[in-house]
Amino acid sequence: MRTRVKICGLTRAEDAAVAVACGADALGLVFFPPSTRAVDVDQAASLAASVPALVDLVGVFVDPNETEVSAVLDRVPLTLLQFHGNETREQCETYGMPYMKAVRMRDGVDLEALSDQHPNARAFLLDTYHPESVGGTGAAFDWTRARIALNAPVILAGGLAADNVGEALKQSGAWAVDVSTGVESEPGKKSAVKIVEFCRAVRAWDTQGIDSKVGEDA
């Protein structure tokens, strides 16, 4: 199985172009003003214009109101919504678009209950909990907590980089990975070298996994 890759927190078209060239499946645009990686509608529309077909453009929101999301959708051709706050099923489904629900992995979080609360989510993104930050912390959580069967695929986020993503996938069994801080030169600005290295590391893990499976079947 090929691991899907999402590069999140993009603010520049040149960074998006590198991510696409490296085979990223999805690009994340953050519409949460407190974030150092936030983009406004004009920035997002300009960046989106350069994204080719067959690459998902993901809008990341944190407890938004309907007007905020609608204003983005009027200008930016998002293909997937990501809700990173305490949104209910009804709030997530308001827009008639596919969505994924992010979960901040604090102690005691009940993933199975949350999965039941969002039966139509296309994926669950598991990220590191921080009391003062919503995503983009650059810190990891216990990846084995992601090895759980939910009603949609698991996307692993939080503290990932080229030098640990293989181990993260080994421990978590995640279907996809999401990276932001781990491929940055500074908040909001990506490093082309780090994007290339990260995507190569994921593909190396995929190849290793295939080889291991072939060896087991021989």
Protein backbone atom coordinates (compact mmCIF):
# COMPACT_ATOMS: atom_id res chain seq x y z
CA MET A 1 0.00 0.00 0.00
CA ARG A 2 1.26 3.46 -0.85
CA THR A 3 1.30 5.94 2.00
CA ARG A 4 -0.47 9.19 1.15
CA VAL A 5 1.32 12.45 1.93
CA LYS A 6 -0.17 15.82 2.88
CA ILE A 7 2.05 18.88 3.10
CA CYS A 8 0.28 21.40 5.34
CA GLY A 9 0.65 25.05 6.25
CA LEU A 10 1.59 26.21 2.76
CA THR A 11 1.71 29.95 2.17
CA ARG A 12 3.76 30.23 -1.04
CA ALA A 13 3.12 28.92 -4.56
CA GLU A 14 6.76 27.91 -4.96
CA ASP A 15 6.50 25.60 -1.94
CA ALA A 16 3.30 24.08 -3.32
CA ALA A 17 5.06 23.43 -6.63
CA VAL A 18 7.86 21.52 -4.89
CA ALA A 19 5.34 19.46 -2.92
CA VAL A 20 3.44 18.57 -6.09
CA ALA A 21 6.66 17.69 -7.93
CA CYS A 22 7.58 15.34 -5.07
CA GLY A 23 4.27 13.51 -5.39
CA ALA A 24 2.32 14.99 -2.48
CA ASP A 25 -1.30 13.87 -2.58
CA ALA A 26 -2.70 16.87 -0.72
CA LEU A 27 -1.78 20.45 0.13
CA GLY A 28 -3.09 22.11 3.28
CA LEU A 29 -4.07 25.77 3.56
CA VAL A 30 -4.67 27.06 7.08
CA PHE A 31 -7.60 29.45 7.58
CA PHE A 32 -7.04 30.12 11.28
CA PRO A 33 -5.71 33.66 11.85
CA PRO A 34 -3.80 32.92 15.11
CA SER A 35 -1.60 30.44 13.24
CA THR A 36 1.77 31.59 11.93
CA ARG A 37 0.91 29.61 8.80
CA ALA A 38 -2.46 31.21 8.17
CA VAL A 39 -3.38 32.49 4.71
CA ASP A 40 -6.10 34.93 3.75
CA VAL A 41 -8.52 34.32 0.92
CA ASP A 42 -6.49 36.28 -1.64
CA GLN A 43 -3.29 34.35 -0.83
CA ALA A 44 -5.14 31.06 -0.95
CA ALA A 45 -6.83 31.81 -4.27
CA SER A 46 -3.50 32.79 -5.83
CA LEU A 47 -1.78 29.65 -4.56
CA ALA A 48 -4.68 27.41 -5.58
CA ALA A 49 -4.50 28.67 -9.17
CA SER A 50 -1.17 26.87 -9.61
CA VAL A 51 -2.26 23.50 -8.19
CA PRO A 52 -2.85 20.89 -10.90
CA ALA A 53 -5.68 18.40 -11.16
CA LEU A 54 -5.62 15.23 -9.01
CA VAL A 55 -3.97 16.99 -6.06
CA ASP A 56 -6.34 17.64 -3.14
CA LEU A 57 -6.50 21.17 -1.83
CA VAL A 58 -7.42 21.01 1.85
CA GLY A 59 -8.82 23.91 3.84
CA VAL A 60 -7.95 23.73 7.54
CA PHE A 61 -10.41 25.40 9.93
CA VAL A 62 -10.67 25.62 13.72
CA ASP A 63 -14.19 26.10 15.08
CA PRO A 64 -15.17 28.44 12.22
CA ASN A 65 -18.55 30.01 11.70
CA GLU A 66 -20.46 29.27 8.51
CA THR A 67 -19.77 32.70 7.05
CA GLU A 68 -16.01 32.23 7.34
CA VAL A 69 -15.99 28.89 5.55
CA SER A 70 -18.41 30.06 2.86
CA ALA A 71 -16.24 33.09 2.13
CA VAL A 72 -13.29 30.80 1.47
CA LEU A 73 -15.31 28.37 -0.65
CA ASP A 74 -16.56 31.23 -2.81
CA ARG A 75 -13.00 32.01 -3.89
CA VAL A 76 -10.83 28.95 -3.33
CA PRO A 77 -11.46 25.60 -5.09
CA LEU A 78 -10.99 23.39 -2.05
CA THR A 79 -11.63 19.70 -2.54
CA LEU A 80 -11.57 18.67 1.12
CA LEU A 81 -12.27 20.36 4.46
CA GLN A 82 -10.30 19.67 7.63
CA PHE A 83 -11.84 20.61 10.97
CA HIS A 84 -9.33 20.93 13.77
CA GLY A 85 -11.49 22.15 16.66
CA ASN A 86 -14.56 20.92 18.53
CA GLU A 87 -16.90 20.90 15.56
CA THR A 88 -19.95 18.65 15.63
CA ARG A 89 -21.00 16.31 12.86
CA GLU A 90 -23.69 18.79 11.81
CA GLN A 91 -21.20 21.65 11.58
CA CYS A 92 -18.76 19.58 9.54
CA GLU A 93 -21.45 18.42 7.12
CA THR A 94 -23.03 21.85 6.58
CA TYR A 95 -21.11 22.52 3.37
CA GLY A 96 -21.91 19.34 1.47
CA MET A 97 -18.22 18.59 0.98
CA PRO A 98 -16.01 15.70 2.03
CA TYR A 99 -14.23 16.40 5.29
CA MET A 100 -11.77 14.94 7.73
CA LYS A 101 -11.79 15.45 11.48
CA ALA A 102 -8.62 16.23 13.36
CA VAL A 103 -8.12 14.91 16.87
CA ARG A 104 -5.70 16.39 19.36
CA MET A 105 -4.36 13.34 21.19
CA ARG A 106 -4.72 14.39 24.80
CA ASP A 107 -4.85 11.75 27.54
CA GLY A 108 -8.14 9.92 27.71
CA VAL A 109 -9.41 10.88 24.25
CA ASP A 110 -11.92 8.27 23.05
CA LEU A 111 -11.16 7.76 19.37
CA GLU A 112 -13.83 5.15 18.83
CA ALA A 113 -16.52 7.41 20.30
CA LEU A 114 -15.35 10.31 18.13
CA SER A 115 -15.39 8.04 15.10
CA ASP A 116 -19.00 7.13 15.88
CA GLN A 117 -19.85 10.85 16.20
CA HIS A 118 -18.49 11.50 12.69
CA PRO A 119 -19.67 8.51 10.62
CA ASN A 120 -19.24 10.38 7.34
CA ALA A 121 -15.73 11.69 7.93
CA ARG A 122 -13.38 10.63 5.13
CA ALA A 123 -10.42 10.36 7.52
CA PHE A 124 -9.31 11.09 11.06
CA LEU A 125 -6.14 13.11 11.47
CA LEU A 126 -4.41 12.40 14.78
CA ASP A 127 -2.21 15.25 15.99
CA THR A 128 -0.26 16.11 19.13
CA TYR A 129 -2.15 17.81 21.93
CA HIS A 130 -0.80 21.09 23.25
CA PRO A 131 -2.80 23.23 25.69
CA GLU A 132 -1.86 26.49 23.97
CA SER A 133 -1.57 25.51 20.31
CA VAL A 134 -3.79 23.90 17.70
CA GLY A 135 -1.53 21.95 15.35
CA GLY A 136 1.90 22.89 14.06
CA THR A 137 3.58 22.17 17.38
CA GLY A 138 6.45 20.16 15.92
CA ALA A 139 6.01 17.67 18.75
CA ALA A 140 5.09 14.00 18.49
CA PHE A 141 2.75 11.83 20.54
CA ASP A 142 2.87 8.08 21.17
CA TRP A 143 2.44 6.80 17.62
CA THR A 144 1.20 3.40 18.76
CA ARG A 145 -2.02 5.13 19.86
CA ALA A 146 -2.81 5.60 16.17
CA ARG A 147 -2.89 1.84 15.56
CA ILE A 148 -6.65 1.61 15.86
CA ALA A 149 -9.46 0.59 13.51
CA LEU A 150 -11.87 3.47 12.95
CA ASN A 151 -14.62 3.93 10.37
CA ALA A 152 -12.26 5.93 8.14
CA PRO A 153 -8.51 5.93 7.48
CA VAL A 154 -6.04 7.38 10.01
CA ILE A 155 -3.72 10.22 9.04
CA LEU A 156 -0.73 10.71 11.35
CA ALA A 157 0.51 14.21 12.19
CA GLY A 158 2.65 15.88 14.83
CA GLY A 159 6.43 16.07 14.97
CA LEU A 160 7.06 14.20 11.73
CA ALA A 161 10.21 14.72 9.68
CA ALA A 162 12.31 12.79 7.20
CA ASP A 163 14.38 11.16 9.94
CA ASN A 164 11.45 9.69 11.88
CA VAL A 165 8.54 9.21 9.48
CA GLY A 166 9.52 5.61 8.72
CA GLU A 167 9.48 4.69 12.39
CA ALA A 168 6.23 6.61 12.84
CA LEU A 169 4.59 4.59 10.09
CA LYS A 170 5.96 1.34 11.50
CA GLN A 171 4.50 2.06 14.94
CA SER A 172 1.22 3.60 13.84
CA GLY A 173 0.21 1.66 10.74
CA ALA A 174 -1.22 4.97 9.48
CA TRP A 175 -2.73 5.25 6.01
CA ALA A 176 -1.29 8.72 5.45
CA VAL A 177 1.02 11.30 7.00
CA ASP A 178 0.66 15.06 7.42
CA VAL A 179 3.72 17.28 7.84
CA SER A 180 4.18 21.01 8.35
CA THR A 181 6.87 22.05 10.84
CA GLY A 182 9.13 19.15 9.82
CA VAL A 183 9.60 20.55 6.30
CA GLU A 184 9.95 24.23 7.18
CA SER A 185 12.87 26.64 7.11
CA GLU A 186 10.76 28.96 9.29
CA PRO A 187 7.05 29.06 10.18
CA GLY A 188 5.02 29.37 6.98
CA LYS A 189 8.01 28.93 4.69
CA LYS A 190 8.90 25.47 3.51
CA SER A 191 12.32 24.10 2.68
CA ALA A 192 12.45 22.47 -0.75
CA VAL A 193 15.23 20.18 0.47
CA LYS A 194 13.21 19.05 3.48
CA ILE A 195 10.10 18.40 1.38
CA VAL A 196 12.13 16.25 -1.01
CA GLU A 197 13.77 14.35 1.85
CA PHE A 198 10.46 13.78 3.60
CA CYS A 199 8.73 12.41 0.51
CA ARG A 200 11.72 10.19 -0.24
CA ALA A 201 11.63 8.81 3.29
CA VAL A 202 7.95 7.95 2.96
CA ARG A 203 8.53 6.20 -0.36
CA ALA A 204 11.49 4.33 1.14
CA TRP A 205 9.21 3.08 3.91
CA ASP A 206 6.62 2.00 1.34
CA THR A 207 9.25 0.02 -0.55
CA GLN A 208 10.53 -1.56 2.67
CA GLY A 209 7.00 -2.55 3.62
CA ILE A 210 6.36 -4.16 0.24
CA ASP A 211 9.65 -6.05 0.41
CA SER A 212 8.81 -7.30 3.90
CA LYS A 213 5.38 -8.49 2.80
CA VAL A 214 6.87 -10.32 -0.19
CA GLY A 215 9.36 -12.00 2.14
CA GLU A 216 6.55 -13.15 4.44
CA ASP A 217 4.58 -14.60 1.54
CA ALA A 218 7.55 -16.43 -0.01
